[in-house]
Amino acid sequence: MRTDLFDFELPPERIALRPAVPRDAARLLVVRAGGALDDRGVRDLPELLSPGDVLVVNDTKVIPARLVGEATLTERLDGSRWRAFVRPAKKLAPGDVIRFGEAGKVCFLGQLDATVEAKGEGGEVTLSFAFHGPVLDQAIAERGDMPLPPYIAGKRKPDAQDRADYQTLFAMNEGSVAAPTAGLHFTDELIAKLATRGVAVQRVTLQVGPGTFLPVHADDTEEHRMHAEHAVLSAETADALNAAHARGGKVVAVGSTALRTIETAADGGGTVKPFAGDTVLFITPGYRFKAVDAMMTNFHLPRSTLFMLVSALCGLDVMQRAYAHAISSGYRFYSYGDASLLFRAP
């Protein structure tokens, strides 16, 4: 499909620079299976779902991957080596040493050094750090900032509050360089109300990479290639999702990362199988969903793989109308913005 079909105009003031407080105070636009729109709030989620439904969240944990010196870590290769985007990469050569930071508790000489091992495309390099394992992790945590998306980081610097704000309630498996942002809206109180309603919560893990939120630059969606991201769906979660379908319940993915993990793990008949491996699943209109019935997600960038995914779930015309309504109604967009609850088109 033509990429420009997924373009739209978004006023800059619609971009949220801080999340709602408390988290579940965000607005929620409900998009019904027939295309009807309903303005609600995240706190209404329990009554919008049915007993026996299952919410699936991504329990990945974001690392403070943005290091002073203009490097953003993107993929751990081993105990001391990372892939990273570095600026200005064109001035670097293999063998060059980059120094991050001046102060720290674990770096006895007061700095964290990394050697450029190799250069890739688009500013990506392989860095070999002077420290290894848990010591390196602590050094990165001391010096790193939360890797806020460019549309936020371009307007303000990450700060201490982002360490809490840009992490979901479910975060436990460290490794992501971007948050699974739909999960940012949940609080302990909301989880308790969902449980009382009879809605279960299951976990998957997808380590979110930097390509997830990037616009698609190709003129046609068939020319775009997704970055591989590692995902895990346990046998326990697979059994719970299959049991929900067997009793007539819905599988509701919290975010595109949870959705892509479930769809990667499902077979052609809709049975979810345990899975551990990389996924490059790119969902565009015409995709036949196998296991996910609905999803909760934030409002996404124009021409992004995420807007293409929600258009596949509900229909491009429906999502164009839903986004136009959200913009005119003052919904807040992107990672710290409001949410939508989308029911799959028949």
C-alpha atoms as a PDB file:
ATOM      1  CA  MET A   1       0.000   0.000   0.000  1.00  0.00           C
ATOM      2  CA  ARG A   2       1.080   3.602  -0.536  1.00  0.00           C
ATOM      3  CA  THR A   3       2.665   5.004   2.610  1.00  0.00           C
ATOM      4  CA  ASP A   4       1.055   8.411   2.103  1.00  0.00           C
ATOM      5  CA  LEU A   5      -2.353   6.842   2.769  1.00  0.00           C
ATOM      6  CA  PHE A   6      -1.304   6.737   6.436  1.00  0.00           C
ATOM      7  CA  ASP A   7      -0.370  10.408   6.675  1.00  0.00           C
ATOM      8  CA  PHE A   8      -2.306  13.041   8.626  1.00  0.00           C
ATOM      9  CA  GLU A   9      -1.747  16.509  10.051  1.00  0.00           C
ATOM     10  CA  LEU A  10      -1.170  16.743  13.784  1.00  0.00           C
ATOM     11  CA  PRO A  11      -0.962  20.123  15.554  1.00  0.00           C
ATOM     12  CA  PRO A  12       2.245  20.218  17.661  1.00  0.00           C
ATOM     13  CA  GLU A  13       0.274  21.193  20.774  1.00  0.00           C
ATOM     14  CA  ARG A  14      -1.412  17.770  20.723  1.00  0.00           C
ATOM     15  CA  ILE A  15       1.900  16.085  21.648  1.00  0.00           C
ATOM     16  CA  ALA A  16       1.986  15.277  25.376  1.00  0.00           C
ATOM     17  CA  LEU A  17       5.250  16.144  27.131  1.00  0.00           C
ATOM     18  CA  ARG A  18       4.215  14.666  30.497  1.00  0.00           C
ATOM     19  CA  PRO A  19       1.806  11.845  31.364  1.00  0.00           C
ATOM     20  CA  ALA A  20      -1.544  12.203  33.075  1.00  0.00           C
ATOM     21  CA  VAL A  21      -1.433  12.141  36.880  1.00  0.00           C
ATOM     22  CA  PRO A  22      -2.436   9.680  38.146  1.00  0.00           C
ATOM     23  CA  ARG A  23      -1.714   7.404  35.209  1.00  0.00           C
ATOM     24  CA  ASP A  24      -5.259   6.079  34.843  1.00  0.00           C
ATOM     25  CA  ALA A  25      -6.658   9.635  34.616  1.00  0.00           C
ATOM     26  CA  ALA A  26      -5.879   9.631  30.872  1.00  0.00           C
ATOM     27  CA  ARG A  27      -8.705   9.769  28.350  1.00  0.00           C
ATOM     28  CA  LEU A  28      -9.733   6.686  26.374  1.00  0.00           C
ATOM     29  CA  LEU A  29     -11.280   6.766  22.904  1.00  0.00           C
ATOM     30  CA  VAL A  30     -13.268   3.587  22.305  1.00  0.00           C
ATOM     31  CA  VAL A  31     -13.539   2.471  18.675  1.00  0.00           C
ATOM     32  CA  ARG A  32     -16.255  -0.168  18.311  1.00  0.00           C
ATOM     33  CA  ALA A  33     -16.143  -2.983  15.775  1.00  0.00           C
ATOM     34  CA  GLY A  34     -18.634  -1.152  13.558  1.00  0.00           C
ATOM     35  CA  GLY A  35     -16.648   2.103  13.712  1.00  0.00           C
ATOM     36  CA  ALA A  36     -18.704   3.901  16.390  1.00  0.00           C
ATOM     37  CA  LEU A  37     -16.674   6.225  18.619  1.00  0.00           C
ATOM     38  CA  ASP A  38     -17.124   6.706  22.365  1.00  0.00           C
ATOM     39  CA  ASP A  39     -15.230   9.196  24.551  1.00  0.00           C
ATOM     40  CA  ARG A  40     -14.363   7.558  27.866  1.00  0.00           C
ATOM     41  CA  GLY A  41     -11.512   7.394  30.378  1.00  0.00           C
ATOM     42  CA  VAL A  42      -8.897   4.741  31.154  1.00  0.00           C
ATOM     43  CA  ARG A  43     -10.606   4.195  34.524  1.00  0.00           C
ATOM     44  CA  ASP A  44     -13.655   2.951  32.574  1.00  0.00           C
ATOM     45  CA  LEU A  45     -11.672   0.020  31.162  1.00  0.00           C
ATOM     46  CA  PRO A  46     -13.143  -2.634  33.518  1.00  0.00           C
ATOM     47  CA  GLU A  47     -16.719  -1.890  32.459  1.00  0.00           C
ATOM     48  CA  LEU A  48     -15.728  -1.816  28.790  1.00  0.00           C
ATOM     49  CA  LEU A  49     -14.461  -5.390  28.998  1.00  0.00           C
ATOM     50  CA  SER A  50     -16.341  -8.566  29.958  1.00  0.00           C
ATOM     51  CA  PRO A  51     -15.741 -11.210  32.624  1.00  0.00           C
ATOM     52  CA  GLY A  52     -13.551 -13.882  31.072  1.00  0.00           C
ATOM     53  CA  ASP A  53     -11.585 -11.461  28.885  1.00  0.00           C
ATOM     54  CA  VAL A  54      -7.794 -11.445  29.183  1.00  0.00           C
ATOM     55  CA  LEU A  55      -5.535  -8.395  28.970  1.00  0.00           C
ATOM     56  CA  VAL A  56      -2.018  -9.135  27.721  1.00  0.00           C
ATOM     57  CA  VAL A  57       0.721  -6.716  28.820  1.00  0.00           C
ATOM     58  CA  ASN A  58       4.389  -6.425  27.905  1.00  0.00           C
ATOM     59  CA  ASP A  59       6.551  -6.748  31.028  1.00  0.00           C
ATOM     60  CA  THR A  60       9.753  -5.432  29.475  1.00  0.00           C
ATOM     61  CA  LYS A  61      11.797  -2.890  31.420  1.00  0.00           C
ATOM     62  CA  VAL A  62      13.312   0.191  29.790  1.00  0.00           C
ATOM     63  CA  ILE A  63      17.011   0.786  30.363  1.00  0.00           C
ATOM     64  CA  PRO A  64      18.447   4.336  30.668  1.00  0.00           C
ATOM     65  CA  ALA A  65      19.863   3.897  27.179  1.00  0.00           C
ATOM     66  CA  ARG A  66      20.669   7.511  26.251  1.00  0.00           C
ATOM     67  CA  LEU A  67      24.224   8.315  27.267  1.00  0.00           C
ATOM     68  CA  VAL A  68      25.672  11.822  27.404  1.00  0.00           C
ATOM     69  CA  GLY A  69      27.856  12.105  24.336  1.00  0.00           C
ATOM     70  CA  GLU A  70      24.894  11.523  22.001  1.00  0.00           C
ATOM     71  CA  ALA A  71      24.759   7.739  22.033  1.00  0.00           C
ATOM     72  CA  THR A  72      21.576   5.722  22.337  1.00  0.00           C
ATOM     73  CA  LEU A  73      22.072   2.037  23.097  1.00  0.00           C
ATOM     74  CA  THR A  74      19.827  -0.144  20.956  1.00  0.00           C
ATOM     75  CA  GLU A  75      20.793  -3.811  21.325  1.00  0.00           C
ATOM     76  CA  ARG A  76      22.923  -5.748  23.816  1.00  0.00           C
ATOM     77  CA  LEU A  77      25.291  -8.140  22.015  1.00  0.00           C
ATOM     78  CA  ASP A  78      27.040  -9.652  25.048  1.00  0.00           C
ATOM     79  CA  GLY A  79      28.311  -8.662  28.494  1.00  0.00           C
ATOM     80  CA  SER A  80      30.366  -5.713  27.268  1.00  0.00           C
ATOM     81  CA  ARG A  81      29.185  -4.903  23.742  1.00  0.00           C
ATOM     82  CA  TRP A  82      26.186  -2.923  22.534  1.00  0.00           C
ATOM     83  CA  ARG A  83      24.900  -1.682  19.223  1.00  0.00           C
ATOM     84  CA  ALA A  84      24.148   2.028  19.425  1.00  0.00           C
ATOM     85  CA  PHE A  85      23.198   5.076  17.411  1.00  0.00           C
ATOM     86  CA  VAL A  86      25.887   7.712  17.849  1.00  0.00           C
ATOM     87  CA  ARG A  87      26.043  11.321  16.654  1.00  0.00           C
ATOM     88  CA  PRO A  88      28.017  12.318  14.717  1.00  0.00           C
ATOM     89  CA  ALA A  89      28.797   8.765  13.576  1.00  0.00           C
ATOM     90  CA  LYS A  90      30.479   9.898  10.354  1.00  0.00           C
ATOM     91  CA  LYS A  91      33.344  11.339  12.408  1.00  0.00           C
ATOM     92  CA  LEU A  92      34.021   8.010  14.108  1.00  0.00           C
ATOM     93  CA  ALA A  93      36.256   5.176  12.921  1.00  0.00           C
ATOM     94  CA  PRO A  94      36.844   1.673  14.264  1.00  0.00           C
ATOM     95  CA  GLY A  95      39.295   1.897  17.150  1.00  0.00           C
ATOM     96  CA  ASP A  96      38.113   5.314  18.341  1.00  0.00           C
ATOM     97  CA  VAL A  97      37.324   5.613  22.056  1.00  0.00           C
ATOM     98  CA  ILE A  98      34.227   7.467  23.280  1.00  0.00           C
ATOM     99  CA  ARG A  99      34.132   8.707  26.871  1.00  0.00           C
ATOM    100  CA  PHE A 100      30.775   8.971  28.662  1.00  0.00           C
ATOM    101  CA  GLY A 101      30.414  11.037  31.816  1.00  0.00           C
ATOM    102  CA  GLU A 102      32.760  12.359  34.441  1.00  0.00           C
ATOM    103  CA  ALA A 103      31.289  11.216  37.744  1.00  0.00           C
ATOM    104  CA  GLY A 104      30.206   7.828  38.969  1.00  0.00           C
ATOM    105  CA  LYS A 105      30.405   5.263  41.720  1.00  0.00           C
ATOM    106  CA  VAL A 106      31.586   2.226  39.777  1.00  0.00           C
ATOM    107  CA  CYS A 107      33.993   3.885  37.334  1.00  0.00           C
ATOM    108  CA  PHE A 108      37.055   4.390  39.491  1.00  0.00           C
ATOM    109  CA  LEU A 109      38.711   6.776  37.038  1.00  0.00           C
ATOM    110  CA  GLY A 110      35.554   8.867  36.824  1.00  0.00           C
ATOM    111  CA  GLN A 111      34.468   7.903  33.326  1.00  0.00           C
ATOM    112  CA  LEU A 112      32.970   5.156  31.203  1.00  0.00           C
ATOM    113  CA  ASP A 113      34.887   4.389  28.014  1.00  0.00           C
ATOM    114  CA  ALA A 114      33.761   2.477  24.928  1.00  0.00           C
ATOM    115  CA  THR A 115      35.738   1.526  21.822  1.00  0.00           C
ATOM    116  CA  VAL A 116      34.134   1.666  18.385  1.00  0.00           C
ATOM    117  CA  GLU A 117      34.396  -1.892  17.039  1.00  0.00           C
ATOM    118  CA  ALA A 118      32.465  -1.481  13.801  1.00  0.00           C
ATOM    119  CA  LYS A 119      30.251   0.950  11.889  1.00  0.00           C
ATOM    120  CA  GLY A 120      26.922   0.107  10.288  1.00  0.00           C
ATOM    121  CA  GLU A 121      24.369   2.077   8.319  1.00  0.00           C
ATOM    122  CA  GLY A 122      22.428   5.165   9.380  1.00  0.00           C
ATOM    123  CA  GLY A 123      24.672   6.130  12.297  1.00  0.00           C
ATOM    124  CA  GLU A 124      24.738   2.703  13.980  1.00  0.00           C
ATOM    125  CA  VAL A 125      27.987   1.490  15.550  1.00  0.00           C
ATOM    126  CA  THR A 126      29.123  -1.420  17.698  1.00  0.00           C
ATOM    127  CA  LEU A 127      30.582  -0.284  21.017  1.00  0.00           C
ATOM    128  CA  SER A 128      32.839  -2.382  23.252  1.00  0.00           C
ATOM    129  CA  PHE A 129      32.769  -0.984  26.792  1.00  0.00           C
ATOM    130  CA  ALA A 130      35.632  -1.069  29.289  1.00  0.00           C
ATOM    131  CA  PHE A 131      33.351  -2.723  31.852  1.00  0.00           C
ATOM    132  CA  HIS A 132      31.431  -5.985  31.717  1.00  0.00           C
ATOM    133  CA  GLY A 133      28.216  -7.513  33.051  1.00  0.00           C
ATOM    134  CA  PRO A 134      26.573  -6.059  36.184  1.00  0.00           C
ATOM    135  CA  VAL A 135      29.317  -3.439  36.594  1.00  0.00           C
ATOM    136  CA  LEU A 136      28.602  -2.124  33.092  1.00  0.00           C
ATOM    137  CA  ASP A 137      24.862  -2.181  33.782  1.00  0.00           C
ATOM    138  CA  GLN A 138      25.386  -0.058  36.900  1.00  0.00           C
ATOM    139  CA  ALA A 139      27.639   2.371  35.032  1.00  0.00           C
ATOM    140  CA  ILE A 140      25.016   2.798  32.300  1.00  0.00           C
ATOM    141  CA  ALA A 141      22.286   3.276  34.907  1.00  0.00           C
ATOM    142  CA  GLU A 142      24.360   5.999  36.622  1.00  0.00           C
ATOM    143  CA  ARG A 143      25.082   7.897  33.427  1.00  0.00           C
ATOM    144  CA  GLY A 144      22.105   7.142  31.243  1.00  0.00           C
ATOM    145  CA  ASP A 145      18.865   9.031  30.728  1.00  0.00           C
ATOM    146  CA  MET A 146      15.555   7.522  29.761  1.00  0.00           C
ATOM    147  CA  PRO A 147      15.469   7.276  25.939  1.00  0.00           C
ATOM    148  CA  LEU A 148      12.454   9.501  25.398  1.00  0.00           C
ATOM    149  CA  PRO A 149      11.154   9.556  21.813  1.00  0.00           C
ATOM    150  CA  PRO A 150      12.497  12.408  19.642  1.00  0.00           C
ATOM    151  CA  TYR A 151       9.158  14.246  19.620  1.00  0.00           C
ATOM    152  CA  ILE A 152       9.460  14.655  23.411  1.00  0.00           C
ATOM    153  CA  ALA A 153      13.250  14.831  23.794  1.00  0.00           C
ATOM    154  CA  GLY A 154      13.363  17.520  21.104  1.00  0.00           C
ATOM    155  CA  LYS A 155      11.237  19.804  23.304  1.00  0.00           C
ATOM    156  CA  ARG A 156      12.728  19.108  26.738  1.00  0.00           C
ATOM    157  CA  LYS A 157      15.540  17.096  28.294  1.00  0.00           C
ATOM    158  CA  PRO A 158      14.825  13.818  30.116  1.00  0.00           C
ATOM    159  CA  ASP A 159      14.858  14.274  33.878  1.00  0.00           C
ATOM    160  CA  ALA A 160      14.586  12.275  37.092  1.00  0.00           C
ATOM    161  CA  GLN A 161      10.786  12.143  36.857  1.00  0.00           C
ATOM    162  CA  ASP A 162      11.035  10.272  33.555  1.00  0.00           C
ATOM    163  CA  ARG A 163      12.781   7.402  35.354  1.00  0.00           C
ATOM    164  CA  ALA A 164       9.413   6.613  36.916  1.00  0.00           C
ATOM    165  CA  ASP A 165       7.055   8.016  34.284  1.00  0.00           C
ATOM    166  CA  TYR A 166       8.590   6.099  31.352  1.00  0.00           C
ATOM    167  CA  GLN A 167       8.355   2.694  33.056  1.00  0.00           C
ATOM    168  CA  THR A 168       5.213   0.575  33.244  1.00  0.00           C
ATOM    169  CA  LEU A 169       3.750  -0.978  36.360  1.00  0.00           C
ATOM    170  CA  PHE A 170       4.621  -4.403  34.907  1.00  0.00           C
ATOM    171  CA  ALA A 171       8.308  -3.739  34.097  1.00  0.00           C
ATOM    172  CA  MET A 172      10.603  -6.570  35.157  1.00  0.00           C
ATOM    173  CA  ASN A 173      12.601  -7.947  32.189  1.00  0.00           C
ATOM    174  CA  GLU A 174      15.253  -5.348  31.398  1.00  0.00           C
ATOM    175  CA  GLY A 175      16.281  -4.692  27.814  1.00  0.00           C
ATOM    176  CA  SER A 176      14.032  -2.216  25.994  1.00  0.00           C
ATOM    177  CA  VAL A 177      15.129   1.140  24.603  1.00  0.00           C
ATOM    178  CA  ALA A 178      11.548   2.412  24.377  1.00  0.00           C
ATOM    179  CA  ALA A 179       8.550   1.875  26.639  1.00  0.00           C
ATOM    180  CA  PRO A 180       5.523  -0.218  25.667  1.00  0.00           C
ATOM    181  CA  THR A 181       3.528   2.946  26.139  1.00  0.00           C
ATOM    182  CA  ALA A 182      -0.008   1.554  26.364  1.00  0.00           C
ATOM    183  CA  GLY A 183       1.060  -0.079  29.625  1.00  0.00           C
ATOM    184  CA  LEU A 184       1.948   3.303  31.136  1.00  0.00           C
ATOM    185  CA  HIS A 185      -1.730   3.958  31.928  1.00  0.00           C
ATOM    186  CA  PHE A 186      -2.134   1.183  34.505  1.00  0.00           C
ATOM    187  CA  THR A 187      -2.215   1.601  38.273  1.00  0.00           C
ATOM    188  CA  ASP A 188      -2.568  -0.918  41.102  1.00  0.00           C
ATOM    189  CA  GLU A 189      -6.114   0.347  41.662  1.00  0.00           C
ATOM    190  CA  LEU A 190      -7.074  -0.234  38.019  1.00  0.00           C
ATOM    191  CA  ILE A 191      -5.600  -3.753  38.085  1.00  0.00           C
ATOM    192  CA  ALA A 192      -7.632  -4.514  41.217  1.00  0.00           C
ATOM    193  CA  LYS A 193     -10.851  -3.320  39.552  1.00  0.00           C
ATOM    194  CA  LEU A 194     -10.129  -5.445  36.484  1.00  0.00           C
ATOM    195  CA  ALA A 195      -9.650  -8.493  38.712  1.00  0.00           C
ATOM    196  CA  THR A 196     -12.954  -7.793  40.480  1.00  0.00           C
ATOM    197  CA  ARG A 197     -14.612  -7.573  37.065  1.00  0.00           C
ATOM    198  CA  GLY A 198     -13.204 -11.013  36.181  1.00  0.00           C
ATOM    199  CA  VAL A 199     -10.665  -9.722  33.636  1.00  0.00           C
ATOM    200  CA  ALA A 200      -7.319 -11.497  33.951  1.00  0.00           C
ATOM    201  CA  VAL A 201      -3.904 -10.064  33.136  1.00  0.00           C
ATOM    202  CA  GLN A 202      -1.250 -12.140  31.388  1.00  0.00           C
ATOM    203  CA  ARG A 203       2.316 -11.147  30.526  1.00  0.00           C
ATOM    204  CA  VAL A 204       4.538 -11.447  27.487  1.00  0.00           C
ATOM    205  CA  THR A 205       7.953  -9.911  26.906  1.00  0.00           C
ATOM    206  CA  LEU A 206       9.071  -8.045  23.805  1.00  0.00           C
ATOM    207  CA  GLN A 207      12.289  -6.069  24.058  1.00  0.00           C
ATOM    208  CA  VAL A 208      11.341  -2.881  22.244  1.00  0.00           C
ATOM    209  CA  GLY A 209      13.930  -1.656  19.753  1.00  0.00           C
ATOM    210  CA  PRO A 210      14.426   1.773  18.211  1.00  0.00           C
ATOM    211  CA  GLY A 211      12.655   0.925  14.963  1.00  0.00           C
ATOM    212  CA  THR A 212       9.238   0.513  16.537  1.00  0.00           C
ATOM    213  CA  PHE A 213       8.296   4.186  16.544  1.00  0.00           C
ATOM    214  CA  LEU A 214      10.121   5.384  13.429  1.00  0.00           C
ATOM    215  CA  PRO A 215       8.166   6.721  10.445  1.00  0.00           C
ATOM    216  CA  VAL A 216       8.158   4.590   7.309  1.00  0.00           C
ATOM    217  CA  HIS A 217      10.257   6.368   4.666  1.00  0.00           C
ATOM    218  CA  ALA A 218       9.576   3.951   1.805  1.00  0.00           C
ATOM    219  CA  ASP A 219       6.905   5.023  -0.683  1.00  0.00           C
ATOM    220  CA  ASP A 220       5.222   1.615  -0.458  1.00  0.00           C
ATOM    221  CA  THR A 221       4.707  -0.449   2.696  1.00  0.00           C
ATOM    222  CA  GLU A 222       6.066  -3.549   0.943  1.00  0.00           C
ATOM    223  CA  GLU A 223       9.473  -1.884   0.785  1.00  0.00           C
ATOM    224  CA  HIS A 224       9.713  -1.355   4.560  1.00  0.00           C
ATOM    225  CA  ARG A 225      11.594  -3.850   6.727  1.00  0.00           C
ATOM    226  CA  MET A 226      10.995  -4.095  10.469  1.00  0.00           C
ATOM    227  CA  HIS A 227      13.885  -4.338  12.924  1.00  0.00           C
ATOM    228  CA  ALA A 228      14.019  -7.735  14.638  1.00  0.00           C
ATOM    229  CA  GLU A 229      12.907  -7.658  18.287  1.00  0.00           C
ATOM    230  CA  HIS A 230      13.210 -10.515  20.761  1.00  0.00           C
ATOM    231  CA  ALA A 231       9.903 -11.786  22.170  1.00  0.00           C
ATOM    232  CA  VAL A 232       8.871 -14.441  24.687  1.00  0.00           C
ATOM    233  CA  LEU A 233       5.397 -15.899  25.284  1.00  0.00           C
ATOM    234  CA  SER A 234       5.297 -18.625  27.937  1.00  0.00           C
ATOM    235  CA  ALA A 235       3.343 -21.878  27.903  1.00  0.00           C
ATOM    236  CA  GLU A 236       1.311 -20.545  30.850  1.00  0.00           C
ATOM    237  CA  THR A 237       0.272 -17.451  28.904  1.00  0.00           C
ATOM    238  CA  ALA A 238      -0.481 -19.477  25.777  1.00  0.00           C
ATOM    239  CA  ASP A 239      -2.754 -21.797  27.777  1.00  0.00           C
ATOM    240  CA  ALA A 240      -4.548 -18.823  29.366  1.00  0.00           C
ATOM    241  CA  LEU A 241      -5.220 -17.154  26.008  1.00  0.00           C
ATOM    242  CA  ASN A 242      -6.462 -20.351  24.390  1.00  0.00           C
ATOM    243  CA  ALA A 243      -8.704 -21.010  27.402  1.00  0.00           C
ATOM    244  CA  ALA A 244     -10.151 -17.487  27.138  1.00  0.00           C
ATOM    245  CA  HIS A 245     -11.123 -18.085  23.527  1.00  0.00           C
ATOM    246  CA  ALA A 246     -12.566 -21.492  24.377  1.00  0.00           C
ATOM    247  CA  ARG A 247     -14.966 -19.932  26.895  1.00  0.00           C
ATOM    248  CA  GLY A 248     -15.922 -17.069  24.567  1.00  0.00           C
ATOM    249  CA  GLY A 249     -13.683 -14.394  26.075  1.00  0.00           C
ATOM    250  CA  LYS A 250     -11.641 -11.811  24.208  1.00  0.00           C
ATOM    251  CA  VAL A 251      -7.863 -11.546  24.035  1.00  0.00           C
ATOM    252  CA  VAL A 252      -7.036  -7.842  24.440  1.00  0.00           C
ATOM    253  CA  ALA A 253      -3.461  -6.782  23.688  1.00  0.00           C
ATOM    254  CA  VAL A 254      -2.123  -3.840  25.678  1.00  0.00           C
ATOM    255  CA  GLY A 255      -0.014  -2.157  23.017  1.00  0.00           C
ATOM    256  CA  SER A 256       1.384  -3.078  19.635  1.00  0.00           C
ATOM    257  CA  THR A 257       4.291  -4.997  21.167  1.00  0.00           C
ATOM    258  CA  ALA A 258       1.974  -7.377  23.028  1.00  0.00           C
ATOM    259  CA  LEU A 259      -0.175  -7.725  19.908  1.00  0.00           C
ATOM    260  CA  ARG A 260       2.766  -8.544  17.637  1.00  0.00           C
ATOM    261  CA  THR A 261       4.058 -11.090  20.152  1.00  0.00           C
ATOM    262  CA  ILE A 262       0.710 -12.887  20.335  1.00  0.00           C
ATOM    263  CA  GLU A 263       0.205 -12.872  16.571  1.00  0.00           C
ATOM    264  CA  THR A 264       3.746 -14.161  16.041  1.00  0.00           C
ATOM    265  CA  ALA A 265       3.090 -17.015  18.474  1.00  0.00           C
ATOM    266  CA  ALA A 266      -0.325 -17.998  17.011  1.00  0.00           C
ATOM    267  CA  ASP A 267      -0.706 -20.659  14.363  1.00  0.00           C
ATOM    268  CA  GLY A 268      -2.932 -20.412  11.293  1.00  0.00           C
ATOM    269  CA  GLY A 269      -5.920 -21.724  13.223  1.00  0.00           C
ATOM    270  CA  GLY A 270      -5.642 -19.104  15.970  1.00  0.00           C
ATOM    271  CA  THR A 271      -4.106 -21.359  18.633  1.00  0.00           C
ATOM    272  CA  VAL A 272      -1.419 -19.545  20.601  1.00  0.00           C
ATOM    273  CA  LYS A 273       1.779 -21.539  21.093  1.00  0.00           C
ATOM    274  CA  PRO A 274       4.722 -20.882  23.417  1.00  0.00           C
ATOM    275  CA  PHE A 275       7.297 -18.739  21.642  1.00  0.00           C
ATOM    276  CA  ALA A 276      10.818 -17.452  22.236  1.00  0.00           C
ATOM    277  CA  GLY A 277      12.688 -15.809  19.397  1.00  0.00           C
ATOM    278  CA  ASP A 278      12.884 -12.769  17.166  1.00  0.00           C
ATOM    279  CA  THR A 279       9.870 -11.263  15.446  1.00  0.00           C
ATOM    280  CA  VAL A 280       9.838  -8.963  12.421  1.00  0.00           C
ATOM    281  CA  LEU A 281       6.062  -9.068  12.017  1.00  0.00           C
ATOM    282  CA  PHE A 282       4.845  -5.997  10.095  1.00  0.00           C
ATOM    283  CA  ILE A 283       1.055  -5.643  10.165  1.00  0.00           C
ATOM    284  CA  THR A 284      -0.691  -3.540   7.528  1.00  0.00           C
ATOM    285  CA  PRO A 285      -4.288  -3.490   6.201  1.00  0.00           C
ATOM    286  CA  GLY A 286      -5.107  -6.833   4.685  1.00  0.00           C
ATOM    287  CA  TYR A 287      -3.429  -8.775   7.493  1.00  0.00           C
ATOM    288  CA  ARG A 288      -5.635 -11.579   8.852  1.00  0.00           C
ATOM    289  CA  PHE A 289      -5.580 -11.487  12.647  1.00  0.00           C
ATOM    290  CA  LYS A 290      -5.273 -14.914  14.225  1.00  0.00           C
ATOM    291  CA  ALA A 291      -5.649 -14.502  17.999  1.00  0.00           C
ATOM    292  CA  VAL A 292      -6.108 -10.865  19.086  1.00  0.00           C
ATOM    293  CA  ASP A 293      -9.672  -9.543  19.364  1.00  0.00           C
ATOM    294  CA  ALA A 294      -8.990  -6.004  20.609  1.00  0.00           C
ATOM    295  CA  MET A 295      -6.163  -3.770  21.709  1.00  0.00           C
ATOM    296  CA  MET A 296      -5.506  -0.817  23.959  1.00  0.00           C
ATOM    297  CA  THR A 297      -2.958   1.582  22.511  1.00  0.00           C
ATOM    298  CA  ASN A 298      -1.846   5.206  22.447  1.00  0.00           C
ATOM    299  CA  PHE A 299      -2.190   7.603  19.505  1.00  0.00           C
ATOM    300  CA  HIS A 300       0.637   7.197  17.016  1.00  0.00           C
ATOM    301  CA  LEU A 301       2.839   9.035  14.541  1.00  0.00           C
ATOM    302  CA  PRO A 302       1.704   9.658  10.967  1.00  0.00           C
ATOM    303  CA  ARG A 303       3.180   7.164   8.481  1.00  0.00           C
ATOM    304  CA  SER A 304       4.339   4.907  11.359  1.00  0.00           C
ATOM    305  CA  THR A 305       4.136   1.118  11.456  1.00  0.00           C
ATOM    306  CA  LEU A 306       1.934   1.569  14.542  1.00  0.00           C
ATOM    307  CA  PHE A 307      -0.709   3.608  12.730  1.00  0.00           C
ATOM    308  CA  MET A 308      -0.612   1.010   9.950  1.00  0.00           C
ATOM    309  CA  LEU A 309      -1.208  -1.721  12.540  1.00  0.00           C
ATOM    310  CA  VAL A 310      -4.271  -0.059  14.091  1.00  0.00           C
ATOM    311  CA  SER A 311      -5.605   0.597  10.581  1.00  0.00           C
ATOM    312  CA  ALA A 312      -5.273  -3.119   9.880  1.00  0.00           C
ATOM    313  CA  LEU A 313      -7.206  -3.915  13.057  1.00  0.00           C
ATOM    314  CA  CYS A 314     -10.123  -1.506  12.569  1.00  0.00           C
ATOM    315  CA  GLY A 315      -9.930  -0.381   8.938  1.00  0.00           C
ATOM    316  CA  LEU A 316      -8.057   2.602   7.498  1.00  0.00           C
ATOM    317  CA  ASP A 317     -11.200   4.697   6.997  1.00  0.00           C
ATOM    318  CA  VAL A 318     -12.311   4.063  10.580  1.00  0.00           C
ATOM    319  CA  MET A 319      -8.926   5.016  12.039  1.00  0.00           C
ATOM    320  CA  GLN A 320      -8.640   8.142   9.897  1.00  0.00           C
ATOM    321  CA  ARG A 321     -12.006   9.221  11.268  1.00  0.00           C
ATOM    322  CA  ALA A 322     -11.044   8.237  14.824  1.00  0.00           C
ATOM    323  CA  TYR A 323      -7.798  10.217  14.687  1.00  0.00           C
ATOM    324  CA  ALA A 324      -9.546  13.259  13.204  1.00  0.00           C
ATOM    325  CA  HIS A 325     -12.021  13.076  16.113  1.00  0.00           C
ATOM    326  CA  ALA A 326      -9.183  12.710  18.637  1.00  0.00           C
ATOM    327  CA  ILE A 327      -7.353  15.734  17.247  1.00  0.00           C
ATOM    328  CA  SER A 328     -10.444  17.943  17.184  1.00  0.00           C
ATOM    329  CA  SER A 329     -11.474  16.764  20.672  1.00  0.00           C
ATOM    330  CA  GLY A 330      -8.153  17.573  22.298  1.00  0.00           C
ATOM    331  CA  TYR A 331      -6.791  14.091  22.944  1.00  0.00           C
ATOM    332  CA  ARG A 332      -3.099  14.022  23.858  1.00  0.00           C
ATOM    333  CA  PHE A 333      -0.858  12.068  21.458  1.00  0.00           C
ATOM    334  CA  TYR A 334       2.142   9.724  21.596  1.00  0.00           C
ATOM    335  CA  SER A 335       4.042   8.059  24.440  1.00  0.00           C
ATOM    336  CA  TYR A 336       2.802  10.242  27.310  1.00  0.00           C
ATOM    337  CA  GLY A 337      -0.600  10.872  25.770  1.00  0.00           C
ATOM    338  CA  ASP A 338      -4.087   9.420  26.013  1.00  0.00           C
ATOM    339  CA  ALA A 339      -5.201   5.953  24.927  1.00  0.00           C
ATOM    340  CA  SER A 340      -7.660   4.189  22.664  1.00  0.00           C
ATOM    341  CA  LEU A 341      -9.477   0.873  22.988  1.00  0.00           C
ATOM    342  CA  LEU A 342      -9.901  -0.682  19.562  1.00  0.00           C
ATOM    343  CA  PHE A 343     -12.199  -3.613  18.811  1.00  0.00           C
ATOM    344  CA  ARG A 344     -11.294  -5.626  15.740  1.00  0.00           C
ATOM    345  CA  ALA A 345     -13.374  -5.041  12.642  1.00  0.00           C
ATOM    346  CA  PRO A 346     -15.498  -8.048  11.678  1.00  0.00           C
END
